[in-house]
Amino acid sequence: MTNVAIIGATGSLGRSLREELKDNNDYTVTLFSRRAESLALASNEKAINGSATSGNDLDKVLADQDIVFVALSGDLPKMAREIVASMKRVGVARIVFVSSMGIYGEVAGEPKGVVAPILKPYRKAADIVEQSGLDYTILRPGWFDNRQDSTCQITQKGETFYGHDVSRKAIVTLVKHIIDQPETYLNTSLGLYR
């Protein structure tokens, strides 16, 4: 059995990953959100309310987890710092952190190496995770959509990102693969697009 924490469980990717893992006894899923009490729980889930900027809240959620999935919005650098610090305190090493396409100025058709101001917090958060010493995978998806395709193109850090969109289903299919095989895509930053 794999213990999985979803930080940002009420967001669109958190909800999609829940759907992928629910009622499967291979996983014990801990849902963490500011509004976790509003969730109807599956048989293998528990929910904890809290803030991703509170080390105390995070410590309660992250203790005894095998892998942590993070898909948040807001003050991403602050949240990344708190999550990394909490994981180190409680002894959890594996993290999958969702950032955004464009954080390295890698999108085709845009000035190479230029990061849009709106993406700078995403880049800073990714840098915090990458430099943390944890076993990380950073996901840099294109814009999410609800198409049902479960595969996507993958680029490594430093490679040009040619697409624009990716389905939530494709993202969570990849995340589930990483949960099942945690050594997969270890210490990498992956661009995801259709």
N, C-alpha and C. Protein backbone atom coordinates (compact mmCIF):
# COMPACT_ATOMS: atom_id res chain seq x y z
N MET A 1 0.84 -1.18 0.00
CA MET A 1 0.00 0.00 0.00
C MET A 1 0.89 1.24 0.00
N THR A 2 0.53 2.20 -0.84
CA THR A 2 1.29 3.45 -0.96
C THR A 2 0.50 4.58 -0.32
N ASN A 3 1.14 5.32 0.56
CA ASN A 3 0.52 6.48 1.19
C ASN A 3 0.82 7.72 0.35
N VAL A 4 -0.25 8.35 -0.14
CA VAL A 4 -0.15 9.49 -1.04
C VAL A 4 -0.82 10.69 -0.40
N ALA A 5 -0.12 11.81 -0.33
CA ALA A 5 -0.72 13.08 0.10
C ALA A 5 -0.97 13.93 -1.13
N ILE A 6 -2.17 14.48 -1.22
CA ILE A 6 -2.50 15.43 -2.29
C ILE A 6 -2.65 16.80 -1.64
N ILE A 7 -1.68 17.68 -1.89
CA ILE A 7 -1.71 19.04 -1.38
C ILE A 7 -2.36 19.90 -2.47
N GLY A 8 -3.53 20.43 -2.16
CA GLY A 8 -4.34 21.12 -3.17
C GLY A 8 -5.42 20.19 -3.70
N ALA A 9 -6.00 19.43 -2.79
CA ALA A 9 -6.95 18.37 -3.17
C ALA A 9 -8.24 18.89 -3.78
N THR A 10 -8.60 20.14 -3.53
CA THR A 10 -9.85 20.66 -4.09
C THR A 10 -9.64 21.41 -5.41
N GLY A 11 -8.41 21.54 -5.86
CA GLY A 11 -8.13 22.14 -7.17
C GLY A 11 -8.41 21.15 -8.28
N SER A 12 -8.34 21.61 -9.51
CA SER A 12 -8.72 20.75 -10.64
C SER A 12 -7.80 19.54 -10.79
N LEU A 13 -6.50 19.69 -10.60
CA LEU A 13 -5.62 18.53 -10.70
C LEU A 13 -5.74 17.63 -9.48
N GLY A 14 -5.91 18.21 -8.31
CA GLY A 14 -6.13 17.40 -7.12
C GLY A 14 -7.38 16.55 -7.25
N ARG A 15 -8.45 17.15 -7.74
CA ARG A 15 -9.70 16.38 -7.95
C ARG A 15 -9.49 15.29 -8.99
N SER A 16 -8.76 15.58 -10.04
CA SER A 16 -8.52 14.58 -11.09
C SER A 16 -7.68 13.42 -10.56
N LEU A 17 -6.67 13.71 -9.75
CA LEU A 17 -5.86 12.63 -9.18
C LEU A 17 -6.68 11.80 -8.20
N ARG A 18 -7.54 12.45 -7.43
CA ARG A 18 -8.44 11.70 -6.53
C ARG A 18 -9.25 10.69 -7.32
N GLU A 19 -9.81 11.12 -8.44
CA GLU A 19 -10.61 10.22 -9.28
C GLU A 19 -9.79 9.02 -9.72
N GLU A 20 -8.54 9.25 -10.04
CA GLU A 20 -7.65 8.19 -10.52
C GLU A 20 -7.34 7.17 -9.42
N LEU A 21 -7.29 7.63 -8.17
CA LEU A 21 -6.86 6.77 -7.06
C LEU A 21 -7.99 6.27 -6.17
N LYS A 22 -9.19 6.84 -6.31
CA LYS A 22 -10.24 6.56 -5.33
C LYS A 22 -10.69 5.10 -5.34
N ASP A 23 -11.04 4.66 -4.14
CA ASP A 23 -11.56 3.31 -3.91
C ASP A 23 -10.60 2.21 -4.36
N ASN A 24 -9.33 2.53 -4.50
CA ASN A 24 -8.31 1.54 -4.86
C ASN A 24 -7.47 1.30 -3.61
N ASN A 25 -7.57 0.11 -3.06
CA ASN A 25 -6.90 -0.18 -1.80
C ASN A 25 -5.38 -0.30 -1.91
N ASP A 26 -4.84 -0.10 -3.12
CA ASP A 26 -3.39 -0.02 -3.25
C ASP A 26 -2.85 1.31 -2.72
N TYR A 27 -3.76 2.26 -2.49
CA TYR A 27 -3.37 3.61 -2.06
C TYR A 27 -4.19 4.03 -0.85
N THR A 28 -3.51 4.66 0.10
CA THR A 28 -4.17 5.41 1.15
C THR A 28 -3.90 6.88 0.83
N VAL A 29 -4.96 7.64 0.62
CA VAL A 29 -4.82 9.00 0.11
C VAL A 29 -5.24 10.00 1.19
N THR A 30 -4.33 10.92 1.49
CA THR A 30 -4.62 12.00 2.43
C THR A 30 -4.82 13.27 1.63
N LEU A 31 -6.00 13.85 1.76
CA LEU A 31 -6.38 15.05 1.02
C LEU A 31 -6.16 16.26 1.91
N PHE A 32 -5.45 17.24 1.40
CA PHE A 32 -5.13 18.44 2.18
C PHE A 32 -5.56 19.67 1.40
N SER A 33 -6.35 20.49 2.06
CA SER A 33 -6.87 21.70 1.42
C SER A 33 -7.41 22.63 2.50
N ARG A 34 -7.57 23.89 2.15
CA ARG A 34 -8.21 24.82 3.08
C ARG A 34 -9.67 24.45 3.28
N ARG A 35 -10.26 23.74 2.32
CA ARG A 35 -11.68 23.37 2.39
C ARG A 35 -11.88 21.85 2.30
N ALA A 36 -11.00 21.10 2.90
CA ALA A 36 -11.07 19.64 2.81
C ALA A 36 -12.34 19.08 3.44
N GLU A 37 -12.90 19.79 4.42
CA GLU A 37 -14.11 19.28 5.09
C GLU A 37 -15.29 19.18 4.14
N SER A 38 -15.23 19.86 3.01
CA SER A 38 -16.34 19.83 2.05
C SER A 38 -16.30 18.59 1.15
N LEU A 39 -15.27 17.79 1.26
CA LEU A 39 -15.10 16.65 0.35
C LEU A 39 -15.88 15.43 0.81
N ALA A 40 -16.54 14.78 -0.12
CA ALA A 40 -17.14 13.46 0.14
C ALA A 40 -16.02 12.44 -0.08
N LEU A 41 -15.74 11.64 0.93
CA LEU A 41 -14.56 10.79 0.90
C LEU A 41 -14.83 9.41 0.32
N ALA A 42 -13.88 8.93 -0.45
CA ALA A 42 -13.89 7.55 -0.93
C ALA A 42 -13.37 6.65 0.20
N SER A 43 -13.47 5.35 0.00
CA SER A 43 -13.11 4.41 1.06
C SER A 43 -11.64 4.46 1.46
N ASN A 44 -10.77 4.91 0.57
CA ASN A 44 -9.34 4.93 0.86
C ASN A 44 -8.80 6.34 1.13
N GLU A 45 -9.70 7.28 1.44
CA GLU A 45 -9.30 8.67 1.62
C GLU A 45 -9.57 9.16 3.04
N LYS A 46 -8.74 10.12 3.46
CA LYS A 46 -9.04 10.92 4.64
C LYS A 46 -8.71 12.36 4.27
N ALA A 47 -9.38 13.30 4.91
CA ALA A 47 -9.22 14.71 4.57
C ALA A 47 -8.76 15.49 5.79
N ILE A 48 -7.87 16.44 5.54
CA ILE A 48 -7.36 17.31 6.60
C ILE A 48 -7.39 18.74 6.10
N ASN A 49 -8.03 19.61 6.88
CA ASN A 49 -8.04 21.05 6.57
C ASN A 49 -6.73 21.67 7.00
N GLY A 50 -6.28 22.65 6.23
CA GLY A 50 -5.10 23.38 6.65
C GLY A 50 -4.58 24.27 5.56
N SER A 51 -3.49 24.91 5.87
CA SER A 51 -2.85 25.86 4.95
C SER A 51 -1.48 25.34 4.53
N ALA A 52 -1.19 25.46 3.26
CA ALA A 52 0.12 25.05 2.74
C ALA A 52 1.22 26.03 3.12
N THR A 53 0.87 27.08 3.85
CA THR A 53 1.89 28.00 4.37
C THR A 53 2.13 27.79 5.86
N SER A 54 1.50 26.78 6.44
CA SER A 54 1.65 26.48 7.87
C SER A 54 2.44 25.19 8.05
N GLY A 55 3.64 25.33 8.60
CA GLY A 55 4.45 24.15 8.86
C GLY A 55 3.77 23.15 9.77
N ASN A 56 3.05 23.63 10.79
CA ASN A 56 2.35 22.73 11.71
C ASN A 56 1.28 21.93 10.98
N ASP A 57 0.49 22.61 10.14
CA ASP A 57 -0.54 21.91 9.37
C ASP A 57 0.09 20.87 8.45
N LEU A 58 1.15 21.26 7.76
CA LEU A 58 1.80 20.35 6.82
C LEU A 58 2.41 19.14 7.52
N ASP A 59 3.03 19.35 8.68
CA ASP A 59 3.63 18.24 9.41
C ASP A 59 2.60 17.16 9.72
N LYS A 60 1.39 17.58 10.09
CA LYS A 60 0.32 16.61 10.41
C LYS A 60 -0.06 15.79 9.19
N VAL A 61 -0.05 16.41 8.04
CA VAL A 61 -0.46 15.74 6.80
C VAL A 61 0.64 14.87 6.23
N LEU A 62 1.86 15.34 6.27
CA LEU A 62 2.95 14.68 5.54
C LEU A 62 3.60 13.54 6.30
N ALA A 63 3.42 13.47 7.61
CA ALA A 63 4.01 12.36 8.37
C ALA A 63 3.50 11.04 7.81
N ASP A 64 4.41 10.12 7.60
CA ASP A 64 4.10 8.74 7.16
C ASP A 64 3.66 8.64 5.70
N GLN A 65 3.86 9.67 4.90
CA GLN A 65 3.51 9.58 3.48
C GLN A 65 4.68 8.97 2.71
N ASP A 66 4.36 8.30 1.61
CA ASP A 66 5.40 7.78 0.71
C ASP A 66 5.71 8.77 -0.40
N ILE A 67 4.69 9.52 -0.82
CA ILE A 67 4.86 10.47 -1.91
C ILE A 67 3.89 11.62 -1.71
N VAL A 68 4.33 12.81 -2.09
CA VAL A 68 3.53 14.02 -1.93
C VAL A 68 3.31 14.64 -3.31
N PHE A 69 2.04 14.85 -3.66
CA PHE A 69 1.67 15.51 -4.91
C PHE A 69 1.20 16.92 -4.56
N VAL A 70 1.77 17.92 -5.23
CA VAL A 70 1.47 19.32 -4.92
C VAL A 70 0.99 20.02 -6.18
N ALA A 71 -0.24 20.54 -6.13
CA ALA A 71 -0.81 21.33 -7.23
C ALA A 71 -1.56 22.50 -6.59
N LEU A 72 -0.90 23.64 -6.52
CA LEU A 72 -1.44 24.79 -5.79
C LEU A 72 -1.41 26.05 -6.64
N SER A 73 -2.11 27.05 -6.14
CA SER A 73 -1.99 28.41 -6.67
C SER A 73 -1.84 29.33 -5.47
N GLY A 74 -1.37 30.52 -5.73
CA GLY A 74 -1.16 31.47 -4.63
C GLY A 74 0.31 31.80 -4.51
N ASP A 75 0.78 31.97 -3.28
CA ASP A 75 2.17 32.32 -3.02
C ASP A 75 3.03 31.05 -3.11
N LEU A 76 3.30 30.63 -4.35
CA LEU A 76 3.97 29.35 -4.58
C LEU A 76 5.36 29.26 -3.95
N PRO A 77 6.19 30.29 -4.01
CA PRO A 77 7.49 30.14 -3.35
C PRO A 77 7.37 29.89 -1.84
N LYS A 78 6.49 30.62 -1.19
CA LYS A 78 6.31 30.41 0.26
C LYS A 78 5.79 29.00 0.53
N MET A 79 4.81 28.56 -0.25
CA MET A 79 4.27 27.21 -0.06
C MET A 79 5.34 26.15 -0.33
N ALA A 80 6.12 26.34 -1.39
CA ALA A 80 7.18 25.37 -1.70
C ALA A 80 8.19 25.29 -0.56
N ARG A 81 8.59 26.43 -0.02
CA ARG A 81 9.53 26.43 1.12
C ARG A 81 8.95 25.68 2.31
N GLU A 82 7.68 25.94 2.63
CA GLU A 82 7.06 25.29 3.79
C GLU A 82 6.90 23.78 3.57
N ILE A 83 6.51 23.39 2.37
CA ILE A 83 6.33 21.96 2.06
C ILE A 83 7.67 21.24 2.13
N VAL A 84 8.70 21.81 1.52
CA VAL A 84 10.04 21.21 1.55
C VAL A 84 10.52 21.07 3.00
N ALA A 85 10.39 22.13 3.78
CA ALA A 85 10.84 22.09 5.18
C ALA A 85 10.07 21.03 5.97
N SER A 86 8.77 20.94 5.75
CA SER A 86 7.96 19.94 6.45
C SER A 86 8.37 18.53 6.05
N MET A 87 8.55 18.31 4.76
CA MET A 87 8.96 16.97 4.30
C MET A 87 10.27 16.56 4.94
N LYS A 88 11.19 17.49 5.06
CA LYS A 88 12.47 17.17 5.71
C LYS A 88 12.27 16.87 7.19
N ARG A 89 11.42 17.64 7.86
CA ARG A 89 11.18 17.41 9.29
C ARG A 89 10.58 16.03 9.55
N VAL A 90 9.63 15.62 8.70
CA VAL A 90 8.93 14.35 8.96
C VAL A 90 9.56 13.17 8.22
N GLY A 91 10.59 13.41 7.42
CA GLY A 91 11.32 12.32 6.78
C GLY A 91 10.67 11.74 5.54
N VAL A 92 9.98 12.57 4.78
CA VAL A 92 9.39 12.13 3.50
C VAL A 92 10.24 12.71 2.38
N ALA A 93 10.61 11.87 1.40
CA ALA A 93 11.56 12.32 0.38
C ALA A 93 10.97 12.58 -1.00
N ARG A 94 9.86 11.92 -1.36
CA ARG A 94 9.40 11.95 -2.76
C ARG A 94 8.30 12.98 -2.96
N ILE A 95 8.51 13.89 -3.91
CA ILE A 95 7.55 14.95 -4.20
C ILE A 95 7.35 15.07 -5.71
N VAL A 96 6.10 15.28 -6.10
CA VAL A 96 5.75 15.66 -7.47
C VAL A 96 5.11 17.03 -7.36
N PHE A 97 5.72 18.03 -7.98
CA PHE A 97 5.32 19.42 -7.82
C PHE A 97 4.91 19.99 -9.17
N VAL A 98 3.69 20.53 -9.25
CA VAL A 98 3.19 21.10 -10.50
C VAL A 98 3.55 22.58 -10.56
N SER A 99 4.22 22.95 -11.63
CA SER A 99 4.57 24.34 -11.90
C SER A 99 3.85 24.76 -13.19
N SER A 100 4.55 25.27 -14.17
CA SER A 100 3.91 25.74 -15.40
C SER A 100 4.88 25.69 -16.57
N MET A 101 4.33 25.53 -17.75
CA MET A 101 5.15 25.71 -18.95
C MET A 101 5.67 27.15 -18.95
N GLY A 102 6.81 27.35 -19.58
CA GLY A 102 7.34 28.70 -19.75
C GLY A 102 8.23 29.20 -18.64
N ILE A 103 8.44 28.42 -17.58
CA ILE A 103 9.23 28.94 -16.45
C ILE A 103 10.72 29.04 -16.76
N TYR A 104 11.16 28.39 -17.83
CA TYR A 104 12.55 28.50 -18.26
C TYR A 104 12.68 29.28 -19.56
N GLY A 105 11.60 29.90 -20.02
CA GLY A 105 11.63 30.59 -21.30
C GLY A 105 11.83 29.61 -22.44
N GLU A 106 11.19 28.43 -22.32
CA GLU A 106 11.44 27.32 -23.24
C GLU A 106 10.34 27.09 -24.26
N VAL A 107 9.33 27.94 -24.32
CA VAL A 107 8.18 27.72 -25.20
C VAL A 107 8.50 28.21 -26.61
N ALA A 108 8.28 27.34 -27.59
CA ALA A 108 8.53 27.68 -29.00
C ALA A 108 7.71 28.91 -29.39
N GLY A 109 8.31 29.78 -30.19
CA GLY A 109 7.61 30.96 -30.66
C GLY A 109 7.68 32.14 -29.72
N GLU A 110 8.27 31.95 -28.55
CA GLU A 110 8.45 33.04 -27.59
C GLU A 110 9.95 33.29 -27.44
N PRO A 111 10.34 34.48 -27.03
CA PRO A 111 11.77 34.78 -26.90
C PRO A 111 12.47 33.76 -25.98
N LYS A 112 13.50 33.11 -26.50
CA LYS A 112 14.18 32.05 -25.75
C LYS A 112 14.82 32.61 -24.48
N GLY A 113 14.56 31.94 -23.38
CA GLY A 113 15.14 32.31 -22.10
C GLY A 113 14.43 33.43 -21.37
N VAL A 114 13.40 34.01 -21.98
CA VAL A 114 12.67 35.10 -21.34
C VAL A 114 11.48 34.51 -20.59
N VAL A 115 11.41 34.79 -19.30
CA VAL A 115 10.32 34.28 -18.45
C VAL A 115 9.34 35.43 -18.21
N ALA A 116 8.08 35.19 -18.57
CA ALA A 116 7.05 36.21 -18.35
C ALA A 116 6.93 36.51 -16.86
N PRO A 117 6.69 37.76 -16.49
CA PRO A 117 6.60 38.12 -15.07
C PRO A 117 5.60 37.26 -14.29
N ILE A 118 4.47 36.91 -14.91
CA ILE A 118 3.47 36.10 -14.20
C ILE A 118 4.00 34.71 -13.85
N LEU A 119 5.02 34.23 -14.57
CA LEU A 119 5.56 32.90 -14.33
C LEU A 119 6.73 32.88 -13.35
N LYS A 120 7.23 34.03 -12.96
CA LYS A 120 8.40 34.06 -12.08
C LYS A 120 8.17 33.37 -10.73
N PRO A 121 6.99 33.50 -10.11
CA PRO A 121 6.77 32.73 -8.86
C PRO A 121 6.77 31.22 -9.10
N TYR A 122 6.27 30.78 -10.26
CA TYR A 122 6.30 29.35 -10.59
C TYR A 122 7.74 28.87 -10.73
N ARG A 123 8.58 29.68 -11.36
CA ARG A 123 10.00 29.35 -11.53
C ARG A 123 10.68 29.30 -10.17
N LYS A 124 10.41 30.30 -9.34
CA LYS A 124 11.05 30.34 -8.02
C LYS A 124 10.67 29.11 -7.20
N ALA A 125 9.39 28.74 -7.23
CA ALA A 125 8.94 27.55 -6.49
C ALA A 125 9.62 26.30 -7.03
N ALA A 126 9.71 26.18 -8.36
CA ALA A 126 10.38 25.02 -8.96
C ALA A 126 11.84 24.98 -8.54
N ASP A 127 12.50 26.13 -8.51
CA ASP A 127 13.90 26.17 -8.07
C ASP A 127 14.04 25.72 -6.62
N ILE A 128 13.12 26.12 -5.77
CA ILE A 128 13.15 25.70 -4.36
C ILE A 128 13.05 24.18 -4.26
N VAL A 129 12.13 23.60 -4.99
CA VAL A 129 11.96 22.14 -4.96
C VAL A 129 13.20 21.46 -5.55
N GLU A 130 13.69 21.98 -6.67
CA GLU A 130 14.84 21.37 -7.34
C GLU A 130 16.09 21.41 -6.47
N GLN A 131 16.26 22.45 -5.69
CA GLN A 131 17.46 22.61 -4.86
C GLN A 131 17.28 22.06 -3.44
N SER A 132 16.16 21.39 -3.19
CA SER A 132 15.80 20.96 -1.83
C SER A 132 16.57 19.76 -1.32
N GLY A 133 17.12 18.96 -2.22
CA GLY A 133 17.71 17.70 -1.80
C GLY A 133 16.70 16.57 -1.71
N LEU A 134 15.42 16.87 -1.96
CA LEU A 134 14.38 15.84 -1.98
C LEU A 134 14.41 15.10 -3.32
N ASP A 135 13.74 13.97 -3.38
CA ASP A 135 13.56 13.23 -4.63
C ASP A 135 12.36 13.83 -5.34
N TYR A 136 12.60 14.67 -6.32
CA TYR A 136 11.53 15.47 -6.91
C TYR A 136 11.25 15.10 -8.37
N THR A 137 10.05 15.42 -8.78
CA THR A 137 9.68 15.55 -10.19
C THR A 137 8.89 16.84 -10.28
N ILE A 138 9.33 17.75 -11.12
CA ILE A 138 8.60 18.98 -11.38
C ILE A 138 7.86 18.79 -12.69
N LEU A 139 6.56 19.07 -12.67
CA LEU A 139 5.75 18.99 -13.88
C LEU A 139 5.47 20.40 -14.37
N ARG A 140 5.69 20.64 -15.66
CA ARG A 140 5.47 21.94 -16.28
C ARG A 140 4.43 21.79 -17.39
N PRO A 141 3.17 21.62 -17.02
CA PRO A 141 2.14 21.37 -18.04
C PRO A 141 1.76 22.63 -18.79
N GLY A 142 1.26 22.40 -20.01
CA GLY A 142 0.58 23.46 -20.73
C GLY A 142 -0.76 23.73 -20.06
N TRP A 143 -1.59 24.49 -20.73
CA TRP A 143 -2.91 24.80 -20.17
C TRP A 143 -3.73 23.53 -20.07
N PHE A 144 -4.38 23.33 -18.92
CA PHE A 144 -5.19 22.12 -18.69
C PHE A 144 -6.49 22.21 -19.47
N ASP A 145 -6.94 21.06 -19.97
CA ASP A 145 -8.29 20.98 -20.52
C ASP A 145 -8.90 19.65 -20.09
N ASN A 146 -10.15 19.44 -20.47
CA ASN A 146 -10.90 18.26 -20.03
C ASN A 146 -10.98 17.16 -21.08
N ARG A 147 -10.16 17.22 -22.10
CA ARG A 147 -10.15 16.13 -23.08
C ARG A 147 -9.78 14.83 -22.37
N GLN A 148 -10.12 13.73 -22.96
CA GLN A 148 -9.92 12.44 -22.31
C GLN A 148 -8.67 11.69 -22.78
N ASP A 149 -7.80 12.34 -23.54
CA ASP A 149 -6.56 11.68 -23.94
C ASP A 149 -5.67 11.49 -22.71
N SER A 150 -5.08 10.32 -22.60
CA SER A 150 -4.33 10.00 -21.38
C SER A 150 -2.82 10.00 -21.61
N THR A 151 -2.38 10.44 -22.77
CA THR A 151 -0.95 10.53 -23.03
C THR A 151 -0.59 11.96 -23.41
N CYS A 152 0.68 12.27 -23.32
CA CYS A 152 1.14 13.61 -23.68
C CYS A 152 2.59 13.53 -24.13
N GLN A 153 3.02 14.59 -24.76
CA GLN A 153 4.43 14.74 -25.12
C GLN A 153 5.17 15.21 -23.87
N ILE A 154 6.41 14.75 -23.72
CA ILE A 154 7.21 15.12 -22.56
C ILE A 154 8.53 15.70 -23.04
N THR A 155 8.88 16.86 -22.50
CA THR A 155 10.20 17.44 -22.74
C THR A 155 10.94 17.55 -21.42
N GLN A 156 12.24 17.48 -21.50
CA GLN A 156 13.09 17.65 -20.33
C GLN A 156 13.47 19.12 -20.18
N LYS A 157 13.91 19.48 -19.01
CA LYS A 157 14.42 20.84 -18.77
C LYS A 157 15.51 21.12 -19.80
N GLY A 158 15.43 22.30 -20.42
CA GLY A 158 16.40 22.69 -21.43
C GLY A 158 15.95 22.40 -22.85
N GLU A 159 14.90 21.60 -23.01
CA GLU A 159 14.36 21.31 -24.34
C GLU A 159 13.21 22.26 -24.65
N THR A 160 13.02 22.54 -25.93
CA THR A 160 11.94 23.42 -26.37
C THR A 160 10.59 22.76 -26.14
N PHE A 161 9.65 23.54 -25.68
CA PHE A 161 8.28 23.12 -25.39
C PHE A 161 7.44 23.55 -26.59
N TYR A 162 6.91 22.59 -27.37
CA TYR A 162 6.24 22.92 -28.63
C TYR A 162 4.73 23.03 -28.54
N GLY A 163 4.12 22.45 -27.55
CA GLY A 163 2.66 22.44 -27.47
C GLY A 163 2.13 23.57 -26.62
N HIS A 164 0.83 23.51 -26.39
CA HIS A 164 0.21 24.57 -25.59
C HIS A 164 -0.74 23.99 -24.55
N ASP A 165 -1.48 22.96 -24.90
CA ASP A 165 -2.50 22.39 -24.02
C ASP A 165 -2.13 20.96 -23.63
N VAL A 166 -2.75 20.50 -22.55
CA VAL A 166 -2.61 19.12 -22.11
C VAL A 166 -3.85 18.78 -21.29
N SER A 167 -4.29 17.55 -21.37
CA SER A 167 -5.48 17.18 -20.60
C SER A 167 -5.11 16.88 -19.15
N ARG A 168 -6.04 17.17 -18.26
CA ARG A 168 -5.85 16.80 -16.86
C ARG A 168 -5.66 15.29 -16.75
N LYS A 169 -6.39 14.55 -17.57
CA LYS A 169 -6.29 13.09 -17.55
C LYS A 169 -4.86 12.64 -17.87
N ALA A 170 -4.23 13.27 -18.86
CA ALA A 170 -2.85 12.90 -19.21
C ALA A 170 -1.89 13.22 -18.06
N ILE A 171 -2.10 14.35 -17.42
CA ILE A 171 -1.24 14.72 -16.29
C ILE A 171 -1.36 13.70 -15.17
N VAL A 172 -2.59 13.37 -14.77
CA VAL A 172 -2.75 12.45 -13.64
C VAL A 172 -2.39 11.01 -14.01
N THR A 173 -2.50 10.65 -15.27
CA THR A 173 -2.02 9.33 -15.70
C THR A 173 -0.52 9.24 -15.47
N LEU A 174 0.20 10.29 -15.82
CA LEU A 174 1.65 10.33 -15.58
C LEU A 174 1.94 10.33 -14.08
N VAL A 175 1.21 11.11 -13.31
CA VAL A 175 1.42 11.16 -11.86
C VAL A 175 1.18 9.78 -11.24
N LYS A 176 0.14 9.10 -11.65
CA LYS A 176 -0.13 7.75 -11.11
C LYS A 176 1.03 6.81 -11.45
N HIS A 177 1.56 6.93 -12.65
CA HIS A 177 2.72 6.12 -13.04
C HIS A 177 3.90 6.40 -12.10
N ILE A 178 4.12 7.67 -11.77
CA ILE A 178 5.21 8.02 -10.86
C ILE A 178 4.92 7.49 -9.45
N ILE A 179 3.68 7.56 -9.01
CA ILE A 179 3.31 7.01 -7.70
C ILE A 179 3.60 5.51 -7.67
N ASP A 180 3.24 4.81 -8.73
CA ASP A 180 3.44 3.36 -8.79
C ASP A 180 4.90 2.97 -8.96
N GLN A 181 5.67 3.83 -9.61
CA GLN A 181 7.10 3.57 -9.84
C GLN A 181 7.88 4.84 -9.46
N PRO A 182 8.08 5.07 -8.16
CA PRO A 182 8.60 6.36 -7.70
C PRO A 182 10.01 6.69 -8.19
N GLU A 183 10.74 5.71 -8.69
CA GLU A 183 12.07 6.01 -9.23
C GLU A 183 11.98 6.59 -10.64
N THR A 184 10.78 6.57 -11.23
CA THR A 184 10.57 7.11 -12.57
C THR A 184 10.64 8.64 -12.54
N TYR A 185 11.32 9.20 -13.51
CA TYR A 185 11.45 10.66 -13.65
C TYR A 185 11.99 11.32 -12.38
N LEU A 186 12.88 10.64 -11.72
CA LEU A 186 13.47 11.14 -10.49
C LEU A 186 14.41 12.31 -10.78
N ASN A 187 14.22 13.39 -10.03
CA ASN A 187 15.06 14.59 -10.14
C ASN A 187 15.06 15.15 -11.56
N THR A 188 13.85 15.29 -12.11
CA THR A 188 13.68 15.85 -13.45
C THR A 188 12.60 16.92 -13.43
N SER A 189 12.63 17.76 -14.45
CA SER A 189 11.61 18.78 -14.67
C SER A 189 11.04 18.51 -16.05
N LEU A 190 9.76 18.13 -16.09
CA LEU A 190 9.14 17.65 -17.32
C LEU A 190 8.13 18.64 -17.87
N GLY A 191 8.29 19.02 -19.12
CA GLY A 191 7.27 19.78 -19.83
C GLY A 191 6.23 18.82 -20.39
N LEU A 192 4.95 19.12 -20.22
CA LEU A 192 3.86 18.23 -20.65
C LEU A 192 2.93 18.98 -21.58
N TYR A 193 2.71 18.43 -22.77
CA TYR A 193 1.80 19.06 -23.73
C TYR A 193 1.27 18.02 -24.70
N ARG A 194 0.22 18.40 -25.44
CA ARG A 194 -0.38 17.52 -26.44
C ARG A 194 0.36 17.66 -27.75
